[in-house]
Amino acid sequence: MANTKSARKATRKIARRTAINKSRRTVLRNSVRKVEEAITAGDRTAAVEAFKTAEPAIMRAAQRGTVHKNTASRKVSRLSHAIAKLGK
């Protein structure tokens, strides 16, 4: 339990940030999942369309500190590589 006034305020701030980050992480995971499902189905056009919405969501999450920028770049790179392999 927080004892000082500043610790109580910090607890409130952490709770707010956690809710915001949770929502951003959900958007991120859902967009990535849609791309991966299209890739496993072998549907290149659906994968490209899903990737067009997923990439900004991933980079936005990195920019806002929800995920690390290298993690976001790695996700984008791996998804784009998997989509490129579908074309062959």
PDB file of N, CA and C in Angstrom:
ATOM      1  N   MET A   1       0.846  -1.188   0.000  1.00  0.00           N
ATOM      2  CA  MET A   1       0.000   0.000   0.000  1.00  0.00           C
ATOM      3  C   MET A   1       0.883   1.241   0.000  1.00  0.00           C
ATOM      4  N   ALA A   2       0.505   2.209  -0.818  1.00  0.00           N
ATOM      5  CA  ALA A   2       1.278   3.449  -0.917  1.00  0.00           C
ATOM      6  C   ALA A   2       1.066   4.290   0.333  1.00  0.00           C
ATOM      7  N   ASN A   3       2.154   4.794   0.895  1.00  0.00           N
ATOM      8  CA  ASN A   3       2.065   5.558   2.136  1.00  0.00           C
ATOM      9  C   ASN A   3       2.060   7.066   1.901  1.00  0.00           C
ATOM     10  N   THR A   4       2.875   7.522   0.986  1.00  0.00           N
ATOM     11  CA  THR A   4       2.980   8.967   0.783  1.00  0.00           C
ATOM     12  C   THR A   4       2.006   9.439  -0.289  1.00  0.00           C
ATOM     13  N   LYS A   5       1.780  10.738  -0.287  1.00  0.00           N
ATOM     14  CA  LYS A   5       0.870  11.337  -1.255  1.00  0.00           C
ATOM     15  C   LYS A   5       1.380  11.128  -2.685  1.00  0.00           C
ATOM     16  N   SER A   6       2.680  11.283  -2.875  1.00  0.00           N
ATOM     17  CA  SER A   6       3.255  11.122  -4.215  1.00  0.00           C
ATOM     18  C   SER A   6       3.172   9.671  -4.685  1.00  0.00           C
ATOM     19  N   ALA A   7       3.303   8.740  -3.754  1.00  0.00           N
ATOM     20  CA  ALA A   7       3.207   7.320  -4.110  1.00  0.00           C
ATOM     21  C   ALA A   7       1.779   6.969  -4.511  1.00  0.00           C
ATOM     22  N   ARG A   8       0.797   7.574  -3.831  1.00  0.00           N
ATOM     23  CA  ARG A   8      -0.611   7.334  -4.186  1.00  0.00           C
ATOM     24  C   ARG A   8      -0.903   7.876  -5.582  1.00  0.00           C
ATOM     25  N   LYS A   9      -0.360   9.059  -5.862  1.00  0.00           N
ATOM     26  CA  LYS A   9      -0.553   9.660  -7.184  1.00  0.00           C
ATOM     27  C   LYS A   9       0.126   8.797  -8.255  1.00  0.00           C
ATOM     28  N   ALA A  10       1.317   8.317  -7.960  1.00  0.00           N
ATOM     29  CA  ALA A  10       2.035   7.466  -8.903  1.00  0.00           C
ATOM     30  C   ALA A  10       1.234   6.200  -9.203  1.00  0.00           C
ATOM     31  N   THR A  11       0.593   5.646  -8.196  1.00  0.00           N
ATOM     32  CA  THR A  11      -0.242   4.458  -8.382  1.00  0.00           C
ATOM     33  C   THR A  11      -1.403   4.746  -9.322  1.00  0.00           C
ATOM     34  N   ARG A  12      -2.030   5.918  -9.155  1.00  0.00           N
ATOM     35  CA  ARG A  12      -3.139   6.305 -10.034  1.00  0.00           C
ATOM     36  C   ARG A  12      -2.643   6.469 -11.467  1.00  0.00           C
ATOM     37  N   LYS A  13      -1.485   7.118 -11.641  1.00  0.00           N
ATOM     38  CA  LYS A  13      -0.928   7.335 -12.977  1.00  0.00           C
ATOM     39  C   LYS A  13      -0.584   6.011 -13.647  1.00  0.00           C
ATOM     40  N   ILE A  14      -0.009   5.100 -12.884  1.00  0.00           N
ATOM     41  CA  ILE A  14       0.361   3.790 -13.428  1.00  0.00           C
ATOM     42  C   ILE A  14      -0.884   3.049 -13.897  1.00  0.00           C
ATOM     43  N   ALA A  15      -1.961   3.134 -13.133  1.00  0.00           N
ATOM     44  CA  ALA A  15      -3.204   2.454 -13.507  1.00  0.00           C
ATOM     45  C   ALA A  15      -3.754   3.008 -14.818  1.00  0.00           C
ATOM     46  N   ARG A  16      -3.705   4.338 -14.977  1.00  0.00           N
ATOM     47  CA  ARG A  16      -4.175   4.952 -16.225  1.00  0.00           C
ATOM     48  C   ARG A  16      -3.309   4.517 -17.415  1.00  0.00           C
ATOM     49  N   ARG A  17      -1.979   4.573 -17.245  1.00  0.00           N
ATOM     50  CA  ARG A  17      -1.068   4.206 -18.324  1.00  0.00           C
ATOM     51  C   ARG A  17      -1.241   2.732 -18.700  1.00  0.00           C
ATOM     52  N   THR A  18      -1.451   1.881 -17.698  1.00  0.00           N
ATOM     53  CA  THR A  18      -1.621   0.458 -17.944  1.00  0.00           C
ATOM     54  C   THR A  18      -2.836   0.209 -18.820  1.00  0.00           C
ATOM     55  N   ALA A  19      -3.934   0.910 -18.528  1.00  0.00           N
ATOM     56  CA  ALA A  19      -5.153   0.750 -19.323  1.00  0.00           C
ATOM     57  C   ALA A  19      -4.924   1.202 -20.763  1.00  0.00           C
ATOM     58  N   ILE A  20      -4.230   2.316 -20.930  1.00  0.00           N
ATOM     59  CA  ILE A  20      -3.954   2.837 -22.271  1.00  0.00           C
ATOM     60  C   ILE A  20      -3.050   1.877 -23.038  1.00  0.00           C
ATOM     61  N   ASN A  21      -1.974   1.414 -22.388  1.00  0.00           N
ATOM     62  CA  ASN A  21      -1.032   0.509 -23.051  1.00  0.00           C
ATOM     63  C   ASN A  21      -1.688  -0.824 -23.396  1.00  0.00           C
ATOM     64  N   LYS A  22      -2.591  -1.280 -22.517  1.00  0.00           N
ATOM     65  CA  LYS A  22      -3.283  -2.537 -22.766  1.00  0.00           C
ATOM     66  C   LYS A  22      -4.117  -2.440 -24.037  1.00  0.00           C
ATOM     67  N   SER A  23      -4.804  -1.317 -24.186  1.00  0.00           N
ATOM     68  CA  SER A  23      -5.630  -1.113 -25.372  1.00  0.00           C
ATOM     69  C   SER A  23      -4.763  -1.022 -26.625  1.00  0.00           C
ATOM     70  N   ARG A  24      -3.650  -0.335 -26.546  1.00  0.00           N
ATOM     71  CA  ARG A  24      -2.746  -0.209 -27.696  1.00  0.00           C
ATOM     72  C   ARG A  24      -2.142  -1.556 -28.072  1.00  0.00           C
ATOM     73  N   ARG A  25      -1.796  -2.339 -27.055  1.00  0.00           N
ATOM     74  CA  ARG A  25      -1.233  -3.664 -27.302  1.00  0.00           C
ATOM     75  C   ARG A  25      -2.260  -4.584 -27.974  1.00  0.00           C
ATOM     76  N   THR A  26      -3.525  -4.438 -27.580  1.00  0.00           N
ATOM     77  CA  THR A  26      -4.594  -5.232 -28.190  1.00  0.00           C
ATOM     78  C   THR A  26      -4.731  -4.900 -29.664  1.00  0.00           C
ATOM     79  N   VAL A  27      -4.734  -3.612 -29.994  1.00  0.00           N
ATOM     80  CA  VAL A  27      -4.820  -3.180 -31.398  1.00  0.00           C
ATOM     81  C   VAL A  27      -3.638  -3.746 -32.180  1.00  0.00           C
ATOM     82  N   LEU A  28      -2.458  -3.668 -31.591  1.00  0.00           N
ATOM     83  CA  LEU A  28      -1.237  -4.171 -32.223  1.00  0.00           C
ATOM     84  C   LEU A  28      -1.349  -5.662 -32.502  1.00  0.00           C
ATOM     85  N   ARG A  29      -1.717  -6.438 -31.503  1.00  0.00           N
ATOM     86  CA  ARG A  29      -1.774  -7.893 -31.649  1.00  0.00           C
ATOM     87  C   ARG A  29      -2.849  -8.315 -32.645  1.00  0.00           C
ATOM     88  N   ASN A  30      -3.996  -7.637 -32.610  1.00  0.00           N
ATOM     89  CA  ASN A  30      -5.063  -7.983 -33.544  1.00  0.00           C
ATOM     90  C   ASN A  30      -4.648  -7.723 -34.985  1.00  0.00           C
ATOM     91  N   SER A  31      -3.988  -6.598 -35.222  1.00  0.00           N
ATOM     92  CA  SER A  31      -3.566  -6.279 -36.589  1.00  0.00           C
ATOM     93  C   SER A  31      -2.515  -7.270 -37.077  1.00  0.00           C
ATOM     94  N   VAL A  32      -1.595  -7.651 -36.210  1.00  0.00           N
ATOM     95  CA  VAL A  32      -0.561  -8.620 -36.584  1.00  0.00           C
ATOM     96  C   VAL A  32      -1.208  -9.983 -36.841  1.00  0.00           C
ATOM     97  N   ARG A  33      -2.179 -10.359 -36.017  1.00  0.00           N
ATOM     98  CA  ARG A  33      -2.849 -11.640 -36.163  1.00  0.00           C
ATOM     99  C   ARG A  33      -3.560 -11.734 -37.516  1.00  0.00           C
ATOM    100  N   LYS A  34      -4.186 -10.638 -37.952  1.00  0.00           N
ATOM    101  CA  LYS A  34      -4.885 -10.640 -39.244  1.00  0.00           C
ATOM    102  C   LYS A  34      -3.910 -10.890 -40.390  1.00  0.00           C
ATOM    103  N   VAL A  35      -2.740 -10.281 -40.310  1.00  0.00           N
ATOM    104  CA  VAL A  35      -1.727 -10.490 -41.355  1.00  0.00           C
ATOM    105  C   VAL A  35      -1.256 -11.947 -41.336  1.00  0.00           C
ATOM    106  N   GLU A  36      -0.972 -12.464 -40.149  1.00  0.00           N
ATOM    107  CA  GLU A  36      -0.472 -13.838 -40.035  1.00  0.00           C
ATOM    108  C   GLU A  36      -1.505 -14.856 -40.510  1.00  0.00           C
ATOM    109  N   GLU A  37      -2.781 -14.595 -40.233  1.00  0.00           N
ATOM    110  CA  GLU A  37      -3.833 -15.506 -40.697  1.00  0.00           C
ATOM    111  C   GLU A  37      -3.912 -15.510 -42.225  1.00  0.00           C
ATOM    112  N   ALA A  38      -3.779 -14.327 -42.819  1.00  0.00           N
ATOM    113  CA  ALA A  38      -3.802 -14.244 -44.277  1.00  0.00           C
ATOM    114  C   ALA A  38      -2.592 -14.956 -44.878  1.00  0.00           C
ATOM    115  N   ILE A  39      -1.451 -14.864 -44.212  1.00  0.00           N
ATOM    116  CA  ILE A  39      -0.236 -15.520 -44.702  1.00  0.00           C
ATOM    117  C   ILE A  39      -0.393 -17.037 -44.622  1.00  0.00           C
ATOM    118  N   THR A  40      -0.902 -17.533 -43.499  1.00  0.00           N
ATOM    119  CA  THR A  40      -1.070 -18.988 -43.360  1.00  0.00           C
ATOM    120  C   THR A  40      -2.123 -19.518 -44.327  1.00  0.00           C
ATOM    121  N   ALA A  41      -3.107 -18.686 -44.654  1.00  0.00           N
ATOM    122  CA  ALA A  41      -4.118 -19.092 -45.636  1.00  0.00           C
ATOM    123  C   ALA A  41      -3.557 -19.049 -47.055  1.00  0.00           C
ATOM    124  N   GLY A  42      -2.435 -18.361 -47.230  1.00  0.00           N
ATOM    125  CA  GLY A  42      -1.805 -18.270 -48.548  1.00  0.00           C
ATOM    126  C   GLY A  42      -2.416 -17.198 -49.431  1.00  0.00           C
ATOM    127  N   ASP A  43      -3.190 -16.303 -48.831  1.00  0.00           N
ATOM    128  CA  ASP A  43      -3.871 -15.243 -49.581  1.00  0.00           C
ATOM    129  C   ASP A  43      -2.999 -13.992 -49.570  1.00  0.00           C
ATOM    130  N   ARG A  44      -2.254 -13.794 -50.662  1.00  0.00           N
ATOM    131  CA  ARG A  44      -1.298 -12.679 -50.704  1.00  0.00           C
ATOM    132  C   ARG A  44      -1.994 -11.317 -50.697  1.00  0.00           C
ATOM    133  N   THR A  45      -3.078 -11.164 -51.435  1.00  0.00           N
ATOM    134  CA  THR A  45      -3.746  -9.859 -51.508  1.00  0.00           C
ATOM    135  C   THR A  45      -4.326  -9.466 -50.151  1.00  0.00           C
ATOM    136  N   ALA A  46      -4.926 -10.440 -49.446  1.00  0.00           N
ATOM    137  CA  ALA A  46      -5.469 -10.150 -48.117  1.00  0.00           C
ATOM    138  C   ALA A  46      -4.336  -9.821 -47.144  1.00  0.00           C
ATOM    139  N   ALA A  47      -3.213 -10.512 -47.292  1.00  0.00           N
ATOM    140  CA  ALA A  47      -2.064 -10.270 -46.425  1.00  0.00           C
ATOM    141  C   ALA A  47      -1.512  -8.867 -46.641  1.00  0.00           C
ATOM    142  N   VAL A  48      -1.430  -8.444 -47.901  1.00  0.00           N
ATOM    143  CA  VAL A  48      -0.918  -7.102 -48.215  1.00  0.00           C
ATOM    144  C   VAL A  48      -1.849  -6.038 -47.658  1.00  0.00           C
ATOM    145  N   GLU A  49      -3.161  -6.243 -47.822  1.00  0.00           N
ATOM    146  CA  GLU A  49      -4.143  -5.278 -47.301  1.00  0.00           C
ATOM    147  C   GLU A  49      -4.070  -5.191 -45.775  1.00  0.00           C
ATOM    148  N   ALA A  50      -3.970  -6.340 -45.122  1.00  0.00           N
ATOM    149  CA  ALA A  50      -3.877  -6.362 -43.662  1.00  0.00           C
ATOM    150  C   ALA A  50      -2.571  -5.723 -43.195  1.00  0.00           C
ATOM    151  N   PHE A  51      -1.505  -5.934 -43.980  1.00  0.00           N
ATOM    152  CA  PHE A  51      -0.199  -5.370 -43.632  1.00  0.00           C
ATOM    153  C   PHE A  51      -0.210  -3.846 -43.721  1.00  0.00           C
ATOM    154  N   LYS A  52      -1.004  -3.319 -44.670  1.00  0.00           N
ATOM    155  CA  LYS A  52      -1.091  -1.863 -44.823  1.00  0.00           C
ATOM    156  C   LYS A  52      -1.694  -1.204 -43.592  1.00  0.00           C
ATOM    157  N   THR A  53      -2.553  -1.904 -42.872  1.00  0.00           N
ATOM    158  CA  THR A  53      -3.110  -1.352 -41.627  1.00  0.00           C
ATOM    159  C   THR A  53      -2.264  -1.745 -40.416  1.00  0.00           C
ATOM    160  N   ALA A  54      -1.585  -2.899 -40.517  1.00  0.00           N
ATOM    161  CA  ALA A  54      -0.794  -3.382 -39.379  1.00  0.00           C
ATOM    162  C   ALA A  54       0.492  -2.581 -39.180  1.00  0.00           C
ATOM    163  N   GLU A  55       1.164  -2.243 -40.274  1.00  0.00           N
ATOM    164  CA  GLU A  55       2.452  -1.548 -40.143  1.00  0.00           C
ATOM    165  C   GLU A  55       2.329  -0.220 -39.401  1.00  0.00           C
ATOM    166  N   PRO A  56       1.369   0.646 -39.755  1.00  0.00           N
ATOM    167  CA  PRO A  56       1.239   1.892 -38.986  1.00  0.00           C
ATOM    168  C   PRO A  56       0.882   1.641 -37.523  1.00  0.00           C
ATOM    169  N   ALA A  57       0.067   0.615 -37.270  1.00  0.00           N
ATOM    170  CA  ALA A  57      -0.310   0.304 -35.881  1.00  0.00           C
ATOM    171  C   ALA A  57       0.918  -0.137 -35.084  1.00  0.00           C
ATOM    172  N   ILE A  58       1.765  -0.931 -35.710  1.00  0.00           N
ATOM    173  CA  ILE A  58       2.982  -1.407 -35.038  1.00  0.00           C
ATOM    174  C   ILE A  58       3.921  -0.236 -34.751  1.00  0.00           C
ATOM    175  N   MET A  59       4.150   0.601 -35.751  1.00  0.00           N
ATOM    176  CA  MET A  59       5.074   1.716 -35.571  1.00  0.00           C
ATOM    177  C   MET A  59       4.521   2.760 -34.599  1.00  0.00           C
ATOM    178  N   ARG A  60       3.206   2.930 -34.588  1.00  0.00           N
ATOM    179  CA  ARG A  60       2.570   3.855 -33.648  1.00  0.00           C
ATOM    180  C   ARG A  60       2.780   3.362 -32.212  1.00  0.00           C
ATOM    181  N   ALA A  61       2.648   2.061 -32.014  1.00  0.00           N
ATOM    182  CA  ALA A  61       2.866   1.485 -30.683  1.00  0.00           C
ATOM    183  C   ALA A  61       4.315   1.701 -30.238  1.00  0.00           C
ATOM    184  N   ALA A  62       5.242   1.604 -31.174  1.00  0.00           N
ATOM    185  CA  ALA A  62       6.653   1.826 -30.844  1.00  0.00           C
ATOM    186  C   ALA A  62       6.904   3.293 -30.522  1.00  0.00           C
ATOM    187  N   GLN A  63       6.300   4.158 -31.309  1.00  0.00           N
ATOM    188  CA  GLN A  63       6.501   5.592 -31.121  1.00  0.00           C
ATOM    189  C   GLN A  63       5.972   6.045 -29.757  1.00  0.00           C
ATOM    190  N   ARG A  64       4.898   5.432 -29.324  1.00  0.00           N
ATOM    191  CA  ARG A  64       4.274   5.820 -28.051  1.00  0.00           C
ATOM    192  C   ARG A  64       4.805   5.031 -26.868  1.00  0.00           C
ATOM    193  N   GLY A  65       5.766   4.154 -27.117  1.00  0.00           N
ATOM    194  CA  GLY A  65       6.440   3.484 -26.018  1.00  0.00           C
ATOM    195  C   GLY A  65       5.771   2.224 -25.527  1.00  0.00           C
ATOM    196  N   THR A  66       4.778   1.723 -26.242  1.00  0.00           N
ATOM    197  CA  THR A  66       4.111   0.492 -25.816  1.00  0.00           C
ATOM    198  C   THR A  66       5.014  -0.702 -26.053  1.00  0.00           C
ATOM    199  N   VAL A  67       5.698  -0.714 -27.186  1.00  0.00           N
ATOM    200  CA  VAL A  67       6.703  -1.736 -27.473  1.00  0.00           C
ATOM    201  C   VAL A  67       7.994  -1.020 -27.865  1.00  0.00           C
ATOM    202  N   HIS A  68       9.094  -1.722 -27.747  1.00  0.00           N
ATOM    203  CA  HIS A  68      10.391  -1.146 -28.102  1.00  0.00           C
ATOM    204  C   HIS A  68      10.473  -0.970 -29.614  1.00  0.00           C
ATOM    205  N   LYS A  69      11.194   0.055 -30.044  1.00  0.00           N
ATOM    206  CA  LYS A  69      11.271   0.349 -31.486  1.00  0.00           C
ATOM    207  C   LYS A  69      11.913  -0.785 -32.272  1.00  0.00           C
ATOM    208  N   ASN A  70      12.883  -1.468 -31.688  1.00  0.00           N
ATOM    209  CA  ASN A  70      13.510  -2.591 -32.390  1.00  0.00           C
ATOM    210  C   ASN A  70      12.544  -3.770 -32.519  1.00  0.00           C
ATOM    211  N   THR A  71      11.727  -3.971 -31.512  1.00  0.00           N
ATOM    212  CA  THR A  71      10.719  -5.029 -31.563  1.00  0.00           C
ATOM    213  C   THR A  71       9.735  -4.741 -32.688  1.00  0.00           C
ATOM    214  N   ALA A  72       9.303  -3.496 -32.787  1.00  0.00           N
ATOM    215  CA  ALA A  72       8.356  -3.101 -33.831  1.00  0.00           C
ATOM    216  C   ALA A  72       8.985  -3.288 -35.213  1.00  0.00           C
ATOM    217  N   SER A  73      10.216  -2.851 -35.364  1.00  0.00           N
ATOM    218  CA  SER A  73      10.904  -2.997 -36.655  1.00  0.00           C
ATOM    219  C   SER A  73      11.062  -4.464 -37.025  1.00  0.00           C
ATOM    220  N   ARG A  74      11.376  -5.290 -36.044  1.00  0.00           N
ATOM    221  CA  ARG A  74      11.541  -6.719 -36.280  1.00  0.00           C
ATOM    222  C   ARG A  74      10.218  -7.349 -36.739  1.00  0.00           C
ATOM    223  N   LYS A  75       9.108  -6.959 -36.084  1.00  0.00           N
ATOM    224  CA  LYS A  75       7.793  -7.488 -36.468  1.00  0.00           C
ATOM    225  C   LYS A  75       7.449  -7.104 -37.909  1.00  0.00           C
ATOM    226  N   VAL A  76       7.660  -5.837 -38.242  1.00  0.00           N
ATOM    227  CA  VAL A  76       7.358  -5.348 -39.589  1.00  0.00           C
ATOM    228  C   VAL A  76       8.217  -6.087 -40.608  1.00  0.00           C
ATOM    229  N   SER A  77       9.484  -6.242 -40.295  1.00  0.00           N
ATOM    230  CA  SER A  77      10.416  -6.899 -41.210  1.00  0.00           C
ATOM    231  C   SER A  77      10.010  -8.352 -41.450  1.00  0.00           C
ATOM    232  N   ARG A  78       9.687  -9.064 -40.382  1.00  0.00           N
ATOM    233  CA  ARG A  78       9.331 -10.476 -40.515  1.00  0.00           C
ATOM    234  C   ARG A  78       8.019 -10.653 -41.276  1.00  0.00           C
ATOM    235  N   LEU A  79       7.061  -9.769 -41.018  1.00  0.00           N
ATOM    236  CA  LEU A  79       5.788  -9.866 -41.737  1.00  0.00           C
ATOM    237  C   LEU A  79       5.978  -9.585 -43.225  1.00  0.00           C
ATOM    238  N   SER A  80       6.739  -8.541 -43.537  1.00  0.00           N
ATOM    239  CA  SER A  80       6.944  -8.187 -44.947  1.00  0.00           C
ATOM    240  C   SER A  80       7.719  -9.291 -45.672  1.00  0.00           C
ATOM    241  N   HIS A  81       8.660  -9.902 -44.967  1.00  0.00           N
ATOM    242  CA  HIS A  81       9.430 -11.008 -45.559  1.00  0.00           C
ATOM    243  C   HIS A  81       8.521 -12.192 -45.837  1.00  0.00           C
ATOM    244  N   ALA A  82       7.617 -12.490 -44.917  1.00  0.00           N
ATOM    245  CA  ALA A  82       6.688 -13.620 -45.094  1.00  0.00           C
ATOM    246  C   ALA A  82       5.730 -13.352 -46.256  1.00  0.00           C
ATOM    247  N   ILE A  83       5.303 -12.101 -46.396  1.00  0.00           N
ATOM    248  CA  ILE A  83       4.411 -11.729 -47.513  1.00  0.00           C
ATOM    249  C   ILE A  83       5.170 -11.846 -48.833  1.00  0.00           C
ATOM    250  N   ALA A  84       6.432 -11.422 -48.849  1.00  0.00           N
ATOM    251  CA  ALA A  84       7.241 -11.503 -50.059  1.00  0.00           C
ATOM    252  C   ALA A  84       7.435 -12.955 -50.491  1.00  0.00           C
ATOM    253  N   LYS A  85       7.547 -13.867 -49.530  1.00  0.00           N
ATOM    254  CA  LYS A  85       7.696 -15.283 -49.855  1.00  0.00           C
ATOM    255  C   LYS A  85       6.424 -15.854 -50.477  1.00  0.00           C
ATOM    256  N   LEU A  86       5.278 -15.269 -50.171  1.00  0.00           N
ATOM    257  CA  LEU A  86       4.018 -15.722 -50.762  1.00  0.00           C
ATOM    258  C   LEU A  86       3.985 -15.474 -52.265  1.00  0.00           C
ATOM    259  N   GLY A  87       4.642 -14.391 -52.692  1.00  0.00           N
ATOM    260  CA  GLY A  87       4.618 -14.017 -54.093  1.00  0.00           C
ATOM    261  C   GLY A  87       5.385 -14.953 -54.997  1.00  0.00           C
ATOM    262  N   LYS A  88       6.292 -15.720 -54.408  1.00  0.00           N
ATOM    263  CA  LYS A  88       7.162 -16.593 -55.220  1.00  0.00           C
ATOM    264  C   LYS A  88       6.466 -17.863 -55.599  1.00  0.00           C
TER     265      LYS A  88
END
